[in-house]
Amino acid sequence: MIESPKTLDSPSVELIEKADERISIKFKHVPREYVNAIRRLAISEVPTLAIDDVVMIENSSVVHDEAVAHRLGMIPLFTDLKRFVMPQDCDCRSTLGCSKCRILFVLDAEAVERTRIVTSGELKSEDEEIKPVSDEIPILTLAPGQKVKFEAYARLGNGKSHAKWQPTSAAVVKDGEDESESILIIETNLALRPDEVVLAASDMLSTKIKNFAQTVHSLKTHRSSKGS
């Protein structure tokens, strides 16, 4: 007696939880390697905006210019992936950048009568929609008579270049109720919504698979032409 081949169960995706900073998705009958690939791409390749260049005009605080620049770079910024492109992909071909690949922030703060903390809310953006995700992130402390003034430029980048461009604060894959299930949990720093991160990572994975298939196909074609 010949047994009929087993039919493969159809893959499915179920949204378990969605909040401003967190999303949980259940993948059923989807190879765990694919789910983990989405997780890895979310961490390392989905881009966000981050301050990457600081022109210090005046700084009489006790914090060195380099430390100020580092702190600025780690401030998450609301990001619109539809409006901006990676610097290397921009057609402006300029090291200074343009409105499609960089955003200018300025800050001019001074302590007059008492010591005060300069926060991210004092960064003035040339674009109202691109700003820090919180106004309460401390940058430095100024004592009376001290001042800081600078220009800062934000650009798109990804986590494999520097952690400041990572959109995720946490990204894990857990086992589901049975062996056919995997649960992807993504938490973000609010630069992007968690669903935006998952969709962007999924699109990247799809593109990588297509490019790989095309590469393999070209190798087969090349081999066939040599054998003819």
N, C-alpha and C. Protein backbone atom coordinates (compact mmCIF):
# COMPACT_ATOMS: atom_id res chain seq x y z
N MET A 1 0.84 -1.20 0.00
CA MET A 1 0.00 0.00 0.00
C MET A 1 0.88 1.25 0.00
N ILE A 2 0.60 2.14 -0.93
CA ILE A 2 1.40 3.36 -1.04
C ILE A 2 0.70 4.49 -0.30
N GLU A 3 1.43 5.09 0.65
CA GLU A 3 0.86 6.20 1.41
C GLU A 3 0.93 7.49 0.59
N SER A 4 -0.12 8.27 0.67
CA SER A 4 -0.13 9.56 -0.02
C SER A 4 0.77 10.53 0.71
N PRO A 5 1.45 11.42 -0.01
CA PRO A 5 2.35 12.38 0.65
C PRO A 5 1.59 13.32 1.56
N LYS A 6 2.25 13.69 2.69
CA LYS A 6 1.63 14.61 3.62
C LYS A 6 1.57 16.02 3.03
N THR A 7 0.47 16.65 3.24
CA THR A 7 0.34 18.04 2.77
C THR A 7 0.94 18.97 3.82
N LEU A 8 1.63 19.98 3.34
CA LEU A 8 2.23 20.95 4.24
C LEU A 8 1.17 21.90 4.77
N ASP A 9 1.22 22.15 6.07
CA ASP A 9 0.28 23.10 6.66
C ASP A 9 0.60 24.51 6.19
N SER A 10 -0.44 25.28 5.93
CA SER A 10 -0.26 26.64 5.45
C SER A 10 0.30 27.51 6.57
N PRO A 11 1.28 28.35 6.24
CA PRO A 11 1.81 29.26 7.26
C PRO A 11 0.78 30.33 7.62
N SER A 12 0.83 30.79 8.85
CA SER A 12 -0.08 31.84 9.29
C SER A 12 0.63 32.78 10.24
N VAL A 13 0.14 34.00 10.31
CA VAL A 13 0.69 35.03 11.19
C VAL A 13 -0.45 35.63 12.00
N GLU A 14 -0.25 35.71 13.30
CA GLU A 14 -1.30 36.23 14.19
C GLU A 14 -0.72 37.32 15.10
N LEU A 15 -1.39 38.46 15.11
CA LEU A 15 -0.98 39.56 15.99
C LEU A 15 -1.48 39.27 17.40
N ILE A 16 -0.55 39.18 18.35
CA ILE A 16 -0.91 38.91 19.74
C ILE A 16 -1.08 40.20 20.52
N GLU A 17 -0.15 41.11 20.34
CA GLU A 17 -0.16 42.37 21.11
C GLU A 17 0.45 43.48 20.28
N LYS A 18 -0.12 44.66 20.37
CA LYS A 18 0.44 45.82 19.68
C LYS A 18 0.26 47.05 20.55
N ALA A 19 1.35 47.70 20.88
CA ALA A 19 1.33 48.92 21.67
C ALA A 19 2.28 49.93 21.03
N ASP A 20 2.42 51.10 21.63
CA ASP A 20 3.26 52.15 21.05
C ASP A 20 4.71 51.69 20.90
N GLU A 21 5.20 50.92 21.88
CA GLU A 21 6.60 50.54 21.90
C GLU A 21 6.83 49.05 21.66
N ARG A 22 5.79 48.24 21.61
CA ARG A 22 5.97 46.80 21.62
C ARG A 22 4.96 46.11 20.71
N ILE A 23 5.43 45.04 20.06
CA ILE A 23 4.55 44.21 19.25
C ILE A 23 4.94 42.75 19.45
N SER A 24 3.93 41.88 19.52
CA SER A 24 4.15 40.43 19.63
C SER A 24 3.38 39.76 18.50
N ILE A 25 4.06 38.89 17.75
CA ILE A 25 3.46 38.23 16.60
C ILE A 25 3.72 36.74 16.68
N LYS A 26 2.67 35.95 16.45
CA LYS A 26 2.82 34.49 16.44
C LYS A 26 2.90 34.00 15.00
N PHE A 27 3.98 33.31 14.68
CA PHE A 27 4.17 32.68 13.38
C PHE A 27 3.91 31.19 13.53
N LYS A 28 3.02 30.66 12.70
CA LYS A 28 2.72 29.22 12.76
C LYS A 28 3.05 28.57 11.43
N HIS A 29 3.76 27.45 11.50
CA HIS A 29 4.21 26.72 10.31
C HIS A 29 5.11 27.59 9.43
N VAL A 30 5.87 28.46 10.09
CA VAL A 30 6.89 29.26 9.42
C VAL A 30 8.23 28.84 10.02
N PRO A 31 9.21 28.45 9.18
CA PRO A 31 10.50 28.03 9.73
C PRO A 31 11.06 29.07 10.69
N ARG A 32 11.54 28.60 11.83
CA ARG A 32 12.07 29.51 12.85
C ARG A 32 13.22 30.35 12.30
N GLU A 33 13.97 29.80 11.35
CA GLU A 33 15.09 30.54 10.76
C GLU A 33 14.61 31.84 10.10
N TYR A 34 13.43 31.81 9.48
CA TYR A 34 12.90 33.01 8.85
C TYR A 34 12.47 34.04 9.89
N VAL A 35 11.84 33.56 10.96
CA VAL A 35 11.42 34.47 12.03
C VAL A 35 12.65 35.12 12.67
N ASN A 36 13.68 34.32 12.89
CA ASN A 36 14.90 34.85 13.50
C ASN A 36 15.61 35.82 12.55
N ALA A 37 15.49 35.56 11.25
CA ALA A 37 16.09 36.48 10.27
C ALA A 37 15.42 37.85 10.34
N ILE A 38 14.10 37.87 10.53
CA ILE A 38 13.39 39.14 10.69
C ILE A 38 13.88 39.86 11.94
N ARG A 39 14.07 39.10 13.02
CA ARG A 39 14.58 39.68 14.27
C ARG A 39 15.95 40.31 14.07
N ARG A 40 16.85 39.58 13.40
CA ARG A 40 18.21 40.08 13.19
C ARG A 40 18.23 41.32 12.29
N LEU A 41 17.39 41.32 11.26
CA LEU A 41 17.33 42.48 10.37
C LEU A 41 16.74 43.69 11.09
N ALA A 42 15.77 43.45 11.98
CA ALA A 42 15.18 44.55 12.75
C ALA A 42 16.24 45.24 13.59
N ILE A 43 17.16 44.46 14.13
CA ILE A 43 18.22 45.02 14.98
C ILE A 43 19.29 45.74 14.16
N SER A 44 19.73 45.09 13.08
CA SER A 44 20.96 45.54 12.43
C SER A 44 20.80 46.30 11.13
N GLU A 45 19.64 46.19 10.45
CA GLU A 45 19.56 46.79 9.12
C GLU A 45 18.40 47.74 8.89
N VAL A 46 17.36 47.68 9.70
CA VAL A 46 16.27 48.66 9.55
C VAL A 46 16.81 50.02 10.00
N PRO A 47 16.80 51.03 9.13
CA PRO A 47 17.45 52.31 9.46
C PRO A 47 16.57 53.25 10.27
N THR A 48 17.22 54.14 11.00
CA THR A 48 16.55 55.25 11.68
C THR A 48 17.43 56.48 11.54
N LEU A 49 16.88 57.62 11.90
CA LEU A 49 17.66 58.85 11.93
C LEU A 49 18.38 58.97 13.27
N ALA A 50 19.61 59.45 13.23
CA ALA A 50 20.36 59.75 14.45
C ALA A 50 21.35 60.86 14.13
N ILE A 51 21.65 61.68 15.13
CA ILE A 51 22.63 62.75 14.94
C ILE A 51 24.01 62.14 14.72
N ASP A 52 24.63 62.55 13.62
CA ASP A 52 25.89 61.93 13.21
C ASP A 52 27.04 62.93 13.09
N ASP A 53 26.72 64.21 13.12
CA ASP A 53 27.75 65.23 12.96
C ASP A 53 27.35 66.46 13.77
N VAL A 54 28.28 66.98 14.58
CA VAL A 54 28.00 68.13 15.43
C VAL A 54 29.06 69.20 15.18
N VAL A 55 28.58 70.40 14.91
CA VAL A 55 29.47 71.56 14.75
C VAL A 55 29.33 72.40 16.02
N MET A 56 30.33 72.34 16.88
CA MET A 56 30.28 73.06 18.16
C MET A 56 30.71 74.51 17.95
N ILE A 57 29.83 75.44 18.26
CA ILE A 57 30.12 76.86 18.11
C ILE A 57 30.65 77.45 19.41
N GLU A 58 30.05 77.03 20.52
CA GLU A 58 30.51 77.48 21.83
C GLU A 58 30.17 76.42 22.87
N ASN A 59 31.10 76.15 23.76
CA ASN A 59 30.85 75.19 24.83
C ASN A 59 31.74 75.54 26.02
N SER A 60 31.16 76.21 27.00
CA SER A 60 31.93 76.56 28.20
C SER A 60 31.55 75.66 29.39
N SER A 61 30.84 74.56 29.11
CA SER A 61 30.49 73.61 30.17
C SER A 61 31.70 72.74 30.48
N VAL A 62 31.56 71.88 31.50
CA VAL A 62 32.65 70.98 31.87
C VAL A 62 32.64 69.70 31.02
N VAL A 63 31.64 69.54 30.17
CA VAL A 63 31.53 68.35 29.32
C VAL A 63 32.26 68.60 28.01
N HIS A 64 33.17 67.71 27.65
CA HIS A 64 33.94 67.87 26.41
C HIS A 64 33.03 67.80 25.19
N ASP A 65 33.47 68.45 24.11
CA ASP A 65 32.69 68.47 22.87
C ASP A 65 32.36 67.05 22.40
N GLU A 66 33.33 66.14 22.48
CA GLU A 66 33.13 64.76 22.00
C GLU A 66 32.05 64.06 22.82
N ALA A 67 32.02 64.31 24.12
CA ALA A 67 31.00 63.69 24.97
C ALA A 67 29.61 64.24 24.66
N VAL A 68 29.53 65.53 24.38
CA VAL A 68 28.25 66.12 24.00
C VAL A 68 27.75 65.49 22.70
N ALA A 69 28.65 65.34 21.72
CA ALA A 69 28.29 64.75 20.43
C ALA A 69 27.81 63.31 20.60
N HIS A 70 28.49 62.56 21.48
CA HIS A 70 28.09 61.17 21.71
C HIS A 70 26.70 61.10 22.33
N ARG A 71 26.43 61.96 23.30
CA ARG A 71 25.11 61.97 23.94
C ARG A 71 24.02 62.35 22.94
N LEU A 72 24.32 63.30 22.08
CA LEU A 72 23.34 63.70 21.06
C LEU A 72 23.03 62.54 20.12
N GLY A 73 24.06 61.79 19.75
CA GLY A 73 23.86 60.66 18.84
C GLY A 73 22.96 59.59 19.39
N MET A 74 22.92 59.45 20.72
CA MET A 74 22.13 58.39 21.34
C MET A 74 20.69 58.81 21.64
N ILE A 75 20.29 60.02 21.25
CA ILE A 75 18.91 60.47 21.45
C ILE A 75 18.06 59.95 20.30
N PRO A 76 17.06 59.10 20.57
CA PRO A 76 16.20 58.59 19.48
C PRO A 76 15.40 59.72 18.84
N LEU A 77 15.29 59.68 17.52
CA LEU A 77 14.56 60.70 16.77
C LEU A 77 13.42 60.04 16.00
N PHE A 78 12.25 60.69 16.01
CA PHE A 78 11.16 60.20 15.18
C PHE A 78 11.65 60.14 13.73
N THR A 79 11.36 59.03 13.05
CA THR A 79 11.90 58.79 11.72
C THR A 79 10.78 58.48 10.73
N ASP A 80 10.88 59.08 9.54
CA ASP A 80 9.94 58.80 8.45
C ASP A 80 10.74 58.17 7.31
N LEU A 81 10.66 56.85 7.18
CA LEU A 81 11.45 56.15 6.18
C LEU A 81 11.00 56.46 4.75
N LYS A 82 9.80 56.97 4.58
CA LYS A 82 9.31 57.29 3.24
C LYS A 82 9.89 58.60 2.72
N ARG A 83 10.35 59.44 3.62
CA ARG A 83 10.82 60.77 3.21
C ARG A 83 12.33 60.87 3.07
N PHE A 84 13.07 59.97 3.72
CA PHE A 84 14.52 60.10 3.75
C PHE A 84 15.19 58.87 3.15
N VAL A 85 16.39 59.10 2.62
CA VAL A 85 17.18 58.01 2.04
C VAL A 85 18.53 57.96 2.74
N MET A 86 19.19 56.81 2.62
CA MET A 86 20.53 56.69 3.19
C MET A 86 21.47 57.65 2.47
N PRO A 87 22.42 58.26 3.17
CA PRO A 87 23.32 59.24 2.54
C PRO A 87 24.00 58.74 1.28
N GLN A 88 24.43 57.47 1.29
CA GLN A 88 25.13 56.93 0.13
C GLN A 88 24.21 56.69 -1.06
N ASP A 89 22.88 56.70 -0.82
CA ASP A 89 21.92 56.47 -1.90
C ASP A 89 21.30 57.77 -2.41
N CYS A 90 21.64 58.89 -1.79
CA CYS A 90 21.01 60.16 -2.17
C CYS A 90 21.64 60.70 -3.45
N ASP A 91 20.79 61.25 -4.31
CA ASP A 91 21.29 61.76 -5.59
C ASP A 91 21.96 63.12 -5.46
N CYS A 92 21.99 63.71 -4.23
CA CYS A 92 22.67 64.99 -4.07
C CYS A 92 24.19 64.82 -4.17
N ARG A 93 24.69 63.62 -3.84
CA ARG A 93 26.12 63.31 -3.93
C ARG A 93 26.98 64.33 -3.20
N SER A 94 26.46 64.82 -2.06
CA SER A 94 27.17 65.85 -1.32
C SER A 94 27.48 65.36 0.08
N THR A 95 28.68 65.70 0.56
CA THR A 95 29.04 65.33 1.93
C THR A 95 28.23 66.13 2.94
N LEU A 96 27.72 67.29 2.53
CA LEU A 96 26.89 68.11 3.41
C LEU A 96 25.46 67.59 3.49
N GLY A 97 25.03 66.86 2.45
CA GLY A 97 23.68 66.33 2.43
C GLY A 97 22.67 67.33 1.94
N CYS A 98 21.41 66.90 1.89
CA CYS A 98 20.31 67.75 1.44
C CYS A 98 19.06 67.41 2.24
N SER A 99 17.94 67.98 1.87
CA SER A 99 16.71 67.77 2.64
C SER A 99 16.20 66.34 2.56
N LYS A 100 16.73 65.56 1.62
CA LYS A 100 16.30 64.16 1.50
C LYS A 100 17.16 63.21 2.30
N CYS A 101 18.32 63.67 2.77
CA CYS A 101 19.22 62.74 3.47
C CYS A 101 19.78 63.27 4.78
N ARG A 102 19.38 64.48 5.20
CA ARG A 102 19.84 64.97 6.50
C ARG A 102 18.89 66.01 7.06
N ILE A 103 18.91 66.14 8.38
CA ILE A 103 18.08 67.10 9.11
C ILE A 103 18.98 67.92 10.02
N LEU A 104 18.76 69.22 10.05
CA LEU A 104 19.55 70.12 10.89
C LEU A 104 18.84 70.40 12.21
N PHE A 105 19.59 70.27 13.32
CA PHE A 105 19.13 70.68 14.63
C PHE A 105 20.07 71.76 15.16
N VAL A 106 19.51 72.72 15.89
CA VAL A 106 20.34 73.74 16.53
C VAL A 106 19.96 73.82 18.01
N LEU A 107 20.94 74.21 18.82
CA LEU A 107 20.69 74.41 20.25
C LEU A 107 21.54 75.58 20.72
N ASP A 108 20.91 76.47 21.48
CA ASP A 108 21.60 77.63 22.04
C ASP A 108 21.06 77.81 23.46
N ALA A 109 21.85 77.37 24.46
CA ALA A 109 21.37 77.38 25.84
C ALA A 109 22.41 78.01 26.75
N GLU A 110 21.91 78.66 27.80
CA GLU A 110 22.80 79.33 28.76
C GLU A 110 22.19 79.25 30.15
N ALA A 111 23.04 79.11 31.16
CA ALA A 111 22.61 79.17 32.55
C ALA A 111 22.94 80.57 33.08
N VAL A 112 21.95 81.26 33.58
CA VAL A 112 22.16 82.64 34.02
C VAL A 112 22.33 82.73 35.53
N GLU A 113 21.28 82.43 36.26
CA GLU A 113 21.31 82.62 37.71
C GLU A 113 21.52 81.32 38.49
N ARG A 114 21.16 80.20 37.90
CA ARG A 114 21.26 78.94 38.63
C ARG A 114 21.67 77.81 37.69
N THR A 115 22.19 76.75 38.27
CA THR A 115 22.56 75.56 37.49
C THR A 115 21.31 74.94 36.88
N ARG A 116 21.42 74.52 35.64
CA ARG A 116 20.27 73.89 35.00
C ARG A 116 20.70 72.78 34.05
N ILE A 117 19.79 71.86 33.79
CA ILE A 117 20.03 70.75 32.89
C ILE A 117 19.48 71.09 31.51
N VAL A 118 20.31 70.95 30.48
CA VAL A 118 19.87 71.13 29.10
C VAL A 118 19.33 69.79 28.61
N THR A 119 18.10 69.80 28.09
CA THR A 119 17.46 68.56 27.67
C THR A 119 17.19 68.53 26.17
N SER A 120 16.77 67.35 25.72
CA SER A 120 16.49 67.15 24.29
C SER A 120 15.37 68.04 23.78
N GLY A 121 14.50 68.49 24.68
CA GLY A 121 13.41 69.37 24.26
C GLY A 121 13.88 70.73 23.77
N GLU A 122 15.14 71.07 24.03
CA GLU A 122 15.68 72.36 23.59
C GLU A 122 16.32 72.28 22.21
N LEU A 123 16.38 71.09 21.65
CA LEU A 123 16.88 70.95 20.28
C LEU A 123 15.82 71.47 19.31
N LYS A 124 16.20 72.39 18.47
CA LYS A 124 15.27 72.96 17.49
C LYS A 124 15.54 72.34 16.13
N SER A 125 14.53 71.69 15.58
CA SER A 125 14.68 71.00 14.30
C SER A 125 14.16 71.86 13.16
N GLU A 126 14.79 71.73 11.99
CA GLU A 126 14.30 72.45 10.82
C GLU A 126 13.04 71.79 10.26
N ASP A 127 12.68 70.61 10.77
CA ASP A 127 11.49 69.89 10.35
C ASP A 127 10.67 69.57 11.60
N GLU A 128 9.44 70.05 11.67
CA GLU A 128 8.62 69.89 12.87
C GLU A 128 8.33 68.42 13.19
N GLU A 129 8.32 67.56 12.16
CA GLU A 129 7.98 66.15 12.38
C GLU A 129 9.17 65.32 12.84
N ILE A 130 10.37 65.81 12.59
CA ILE A 130 11.57 65.09 12.98
C ILE A 130 12.14 65.74 14.23
N LYS A 131 11.95 65.08 15.35
CA LYS A 131 12.38 65.62 16.64
C LYS A 131 12.63 64.47 17.60
N PRO A 132 13.25 64.73 18.75
CA PRO A 132 13.48 63.67 19.72
C PRO A 132 12.16 63.03 20.18
N VAL A 133 12.21 61.74 20.47
CA VAL A 133 11.00 61.04 20.91
C VAL A 133 10.55 61.48 22.30
N SER A 134 11.45 62.13 23.03
CA SER A 134 11.13 62.66 24.36
C SER A 134 11.82 64.00 24.53
N ASP A 135 11.15 64.92 25.22
CA ASP A 135 11.74 66.24 25.51
C ASP A 135 12.57 66.24 26.79
N GLU A 136 12.61 65.10 27.49
CA GLU A 136 13.19 65.08 28.83
C GLU A 136 14.52 64.34 28.91
N ILE A 137 15.14 64.05 27.79
CA ILE A 137 16.43 63.35 27.81
C ILE A 137 17.54 64.37 28.13
N PRO A 138 18.29 64.18 29.22
CA PRO A 138 19.34 65.15 29.57
C PRO A 138 20.54 65.09 28.62
N ILE A 139 21.06 66.24 28.28
CA ILE A 139 22.24 66.33 27.41
C ILE A 139 23.48 66.71 28.23
N LEU A 140 23.37 67.78 29.00
CA LEU A 140 24.47 68.20 29.88
C LEU A 140 23.94 69.20 30.91
N THR A 141 24.76 69.49 31.90
CA THR A 141 24.40 70.45 32.95
C THR A 141 25.26 71.70 32.82
N LEU A 142 24.60 72.84 32.90
CA LEU A 142 25.29 74.12 32.84
C LEU A 142 25.25 74.81 34.19
N ALA A 143 26.40 75.29 34.63
CA ALA A 143 26.48 76.11 35.84
C ALA A 143 26.27 77.57 35.45
N PRO A 144 25.94 78.45 36.40
CA PRO A 144 25.72 79.86 36.07
C PRO A 144 26.90 80.46 35.30
N GLY A 145 26.57 81.10 34.21
CA GLY A 145 27.60 81.72 33.37
C GLY A 145 28.09 80.83 32.24
N GLN A 146 27.72 79.57 32.26
CA GLN A 146 28.15 78.64 31.20
C GLN A 146 27.12 78.61 30.06
N LYS A 147 27.63 78.28 28.86
CA LYS A 147 26.78 78.32 27.67
C LYS A 147 27.19 77.21 26.71
N VAL A 148 26.23 76.73 25.93
CA VAL A 148 26.52 75.77 24.88
C VAL A 148 25.71 76.14 23.64
N LYS A 149 26.36 76.09 22.50
CA LYS A 149 25.71 76.43 21.24
C LYS A 149 26.31 75.57 20.14
N PHE A 150 25.45 74.92 19.36
CA PHE A 150 25.96 74.05 18.30
C PHE A 150 24.91 73.81 17.22
N GLU A 151 25.38 73.27 16.10
CA GLU A 151 24.53 72.75 15.04
C GLU A 151 24.76 71.24 14.98
N ALA A 152 23.69 70.47 14.78
CA ALA A 152 23.81 69.02 14.72
C ALA A 152 23.04 68.49 13.51
N TYR A 153 23.63 67.52 12.84
CA TYR A 153 23.03 66.98 11.62
C TYR A 153 22.69 65.50 11.82
N ALA A 154 21.43 65.16 11.56
CA ALA A 154 20.98 63.77 11.68
C ALA A 154 20.86 63.14 10.30
N ARG A 155 21.25 61.88 10.23
CA ARG A 155 21.19 61.13 8.97
C ARG A 155 20.68 59.72 9.25
N LEU A 156 20.22 59.06 8.19
CA LEU A 156 19.82 57.66 8.31
C LEU A 156 21.05 56.78 8.42
N GLY A 157 20.93 55.72 9.20
CA GLY A 157 21.98 54.72 9.32
C GLY A 157 21.36 53.46 9.88
N ASN A 158 22.14 52.40 10.04
CA ASN A 158 21.59 51.17 10.61
C ASN A 158 22.47 50.64 11.73
N GLY A 159 21.92 49.70 12.47
CA GLY A 159 22.55 49.21 13.68
C GLY A 159 23.87 48.50 13.45
N LYS A 160 24.08 47.94 12.27
CA LYS A 160 25.35 47.26 12.03
C LYS A 160 26.50 48.26 11.88
N SER A 161 26.16 49.53 11.67
CA SER A 161 27.18 50.58 11.63
C SER A 161 27.44 51.16 13.01
N HIS A 162 26.37 51.38 13.77
CA HIS A 162 26.50 51.93 15.13
C HIS A 162 25.20 51.69 15.87
N ALA A 163 25.29 51.43 17.17
CA ALA A 163 24.10 51.14 17.98
C ALA A 163 23.13 52.31 18.03
N LYS A 164 23.60 53.54 17.78
CA LYS A 164 22.69 54.69 17.86
C LYS A 164 21.61 54.64 16.79
N TRP A 165 21.83 53.84 15.74
CA TRP A 165 20.84 53.73 14.67
C TRP A 165 19.91 52.53 14.85
N GLN A 166 20.06 51.77 15.92
CA GLN A 166 19.17 50.64 16.14
C GLN A 166 17.77 51.12 16.52
N PRO A 167 16.74 50.64 15.82
CA PRO A 167 15.37 51.03 16.20
C PRO A 167 14.83 50.22 17.37
N THR A 168 15.49 49.10 17.70
CA THR A 168 14.96 48.18 18.71
C THR A 168 15.68 48.36 20.05
N SER A 169 14.89 48.27 21.12
CA SER A 169 15.47 48.19 22.45
C SER A 169 15.50 46.74 22.92
N ALA A 170 14.67 45.91 22.29
CA ALA A 170 14.66 44.46 22.56
C ALA A 170 14.07 43.76 21.35
N ALA A 171 14.59 42.57 21.03
CA ALA A 171 14.07 41.78 19.92
C ALA A 171 14.37 40.31 20.22
N VAL A 172 13.34 39.51 20.43
CA VAL A 172 13.52 38.11 20.80
C VAL A 172 12.54 37.23 20.03
N VAL A 173 12.92 35.96 19.90
CA VAL A 173 12.03 34.93 19.34
C VAL A 173 11.85 33.86 20.41
N LYS A 174 10.59 33.57 20.75
CA LYS A 174 10.29 32.57 21.78
C LYS A 174 9.52 31.41 21.16
N ASP A 175 9.57 30.27 21.85
CA ASP A 175 8.77 29.12 21.43
C ASP A 175 7.30 29.39 21.71
N GLY A 176 6.44 28.87 20.82
CA GLY A 176 5.01 28.96 21.03
C GLY A 176 4.50 27.77 21.82
N GLU A 177 3.20 27.54 21.74
CA GLU A 177 2.60 26.45 22.50
C GLU A 177 2.97 25.08 21.95
N ASP A 178 3.25 25.01 20.65
CA ASP A 178 3.72 23.74 20.08
C ASP A 178 4.90 24.02 19.17
N GLU A 179 5.50 22.96 18.65
CA GLU A 179 6.76 23.11 17.91
C GLU A 179 6.60 23.81 16.58
N SER A 180 5.38 23.99 16.13
CA SER A 180 5.16 24.67 14.85
C SER A 180 5.03 26.18 15.00
N GLU A 181 5.11 26.67 16.25
CA GLU A 181 4.89 28.09 16.50
C GLU A 181 6.14 28.79 17.01
N SER A 182 6.33 30.01 16.54
CA SER A 182 7.38 30.90 17.06
C SER A 182 6.75 32.26 17.32
N ILE A 183 7.16 32.89 18.39
CA ILE A 183 6.62 34.20 18.74
C ILE A 183 7.74 35.24 18.68
N LEU A 184 7.53 36.25 17.84
CA LEU A 184 8.49 37.35 17.68
C LEU A 184 8.02 38.53 18.52
N ILE A 185 8.90 39.03 19.38
CA ILE A 185 8.61 40.19 20.22
C ILE A 185 9.61 41.30 19.90
N ILE A 186 9.08 42.43 19.50
CA ILE A 186 9.93 43.59 19.17
C ILE A 186 9.53 44.76 20.05
N GLU A 187 10.52 45.36 20.72
CA GLU A 187 10.31 46.60 21.45
C GLU A 187 11.19 47.67 20.82
N THR A 188 10.67 48.86 20.65
CA THR A 188 11.41 49.92 19.97
C THR A 188 11.68 51.10 20.90
N ASN A 189 12.56 51.98 20.44
CA ASN A 189 12.84 53.22 21.17
C ASN A 189 11.95 54.36 20.71
N LEU A 190 10.90 54.02 19.91
CA LEU A 190 9.90 54.96 19.39
C LEU A 190 10.37 55.77 18.18
N ALA A 191 11.61 55.58 17.74
CA ALA A 191 12.02 56.23 16.49
C ALA A 191 11.12 55.75 15.36
N LEU A 192 10.78 54.47 15.39
CA LEU A 192 9.80 53.87 14.47
C LEU A 192 8.77 53.12 15.31
N ARG A 193 7.57 52.98 14.78
CA ARG A 193 6.58 52.12 15.43
C ARG A 193 7.03 50.66 15.30
N PRO A 194 6.69 49.81 16.25
CA PRO A 194 7.13 48.42 16.16
C PRO A 194 6.63 47.70 14.92
N ASP A 195 5.41 48.01 14.46
CA ASP A 195 4.92 47.38 13.23
C ASP A 195 5.71 47.84 12.01
N GLU A 196 6.17 49.11 12.03
CA GLU A 196 7.01 49.60 10.93
C GLU A 196 8.33 48.83 10.88
N VAL A 197 8.88 48.55 12.04
CA VAL A 197 10.15 47.82 12.11
C VAL A 197 9.98 46.41 11.54
N VAL A 198 8.91 45.73 11.94
CA VAL A 198 8.67 44.36 11.47
C VAL A 198 8.45 44.34 9.96
N LEU A 199 7.65 45.26 9.46
CA LEU A 199 7.36 45.29 8.02
C LEU A 199 8.62 45.63 7.21
N ALA A 200 9.41 46.58 7.71
CA ALA A 200 10.65 46.93 7.00
C ALA A 200 11.62 45.76 6.99
N ALA A 201 11.73 45.05 8.11
CA ALA A 201 12.62 43.88 8.18
C ALA A 201 12.12 42.77 7.27
N SER A 202 10.80 42.57 7.20
CA SER A 202 10.22 41.54 6.34
C SER A 202 10.49 41.86 4.87
N ASP A 203 10.34 43.14 4.49
CA ASP A 203 10.62 43.55 3.10
C ASP A 203 12.09 43.31 2.76
N MET A 204 12.97 43.60 3.72
CA MET A 204 14.41 43.37 3.49
C MET A 204 14.71 41.90 3.30
N LEU A 205 14.07 41.05 4.12
CA LEU A 205 14.28 39.61 3.99
C LEU A 205 13.80 39.11 2.64
N SER A 206 12.64 39.59 2.20
CA SER A 206 12.10 39.19 0.91
C SER A 206 13.05 39.59 -0.22
N THR A 207 13.59 40.81 -0.13
CA THR A 207 14.53 41.28 -1.16
C THR A 207 15.79 40.44 -1.18
N LYS A 208 16.31 40.11 0.00
CA LYS A 208 17.52 39.30 0.08
C LYS A 208 17.30 37.90 -0.52
N ILE A 209 16.14 37.31 -0.26
CA ILE A 209 15.83 35.99 -0.80
C ILE A 209 15.73 36.05 -2.32
N LYS A 210 15.07 37.08 -2.84
CA LYS A 210 14.96 37.24 -4.29
C LYS A 210 16.32 37.44 -4.94
N ASN A 211 17.16 38.27 -4.32
CA ASN A 211 18.50 38.50 -4.87
C ASN A 211 19.33 37.22 -4.85
N PHE A 212 19.18 36.45 -3.78
CA PHE A 212 19.91 35.18 -3.68
C PHE A 212 19.46 34.22 -4.78
N ALA A 213 18.13 34.15 -4.99
CA ALA A 213 17.60 33.27 -6.04
C ALA A 213 18.11 33.68 -7.42
N GLN A 214 18.17 35.00 -7.65
CA GLN A 214 18.67 35.49 -8.93
C GLN A 214 20.14 35.17 -9.12
N THR A 215 20.91 35.26 -8.02
CA THR A 215 22.33 34.93 -8.09
C THR A 215 22.54 33.46 -8.43
N VAL A 216 21.78 32.59 -7.76
CA VAL A 216 21.87 31.15 -8.04
C VAL A 216 21.46 30.86 -9.47
N HIS A 217 20.40 31.50 -9.93
CA HIS A 217 19.95 31.29 -11.30
C HIS A 217 21.00 31.72 -12.32
N SER A 218 21.67 32.83 -12.04
CA SER A 218 22.72 33.30 -12.96
C SER A 218 23.88 32.32 -13.01
N LEU A 219 24.18 31.68 -11.87
CA LEU A 219 25.24 30.67 -11.85
C LEU A 219 24.87 29.47 -12.69
N LYS A 220 23.61 29.05 -12.61
CA LYS A 220 23.14 27.92 -13.42
C LYS A 220 23.20 28.26 -14.90
N THR A 221 22.77 29.48 -15.24
CA THR A 221 22.79 29.92 -16.63
C THR A 221 24.20 29.97 -17.16
N HIS A 222 25.13 30.49 -16.34
CA HIS A 222 26.53 30.58 -16.73
C HIS A 222 27.13 29.20 -16.96
N ARG A 223 26.79 28.26 -16.10
CA ARG A 223 27.31 26.91 -16.22
C ARG A 223 26.77 26.22 -17.47
N SER A 224 25.49 26.43 -17.77
CA SER A 224 24.89 25.81 -18.95
C SER A 224 25.49 26.35 -20.24
N SER A 225 25.77 27.65 -20.24
CA SER A 225 26.35 28.25 -21.45
C SER A 225 27.76 27.75 -21.69
N LYS A 226 28.51 27.47 -20.61
CA LYS A 226 29.86 26.94 -20.78
C LYS A 226 29.85 25.51 -21.27
N GLY A 227 28.80 24.74 -20.88
CA GLY A 227 28.74 23.35 -21.29
C GLY A 227 28.24 23.14 -22.70
N SER A 228 27.62 24.17 -23.27
CA SER A 228 27.06 24.01 -24.61
C SER A 228 28.13 24.14 -25.68
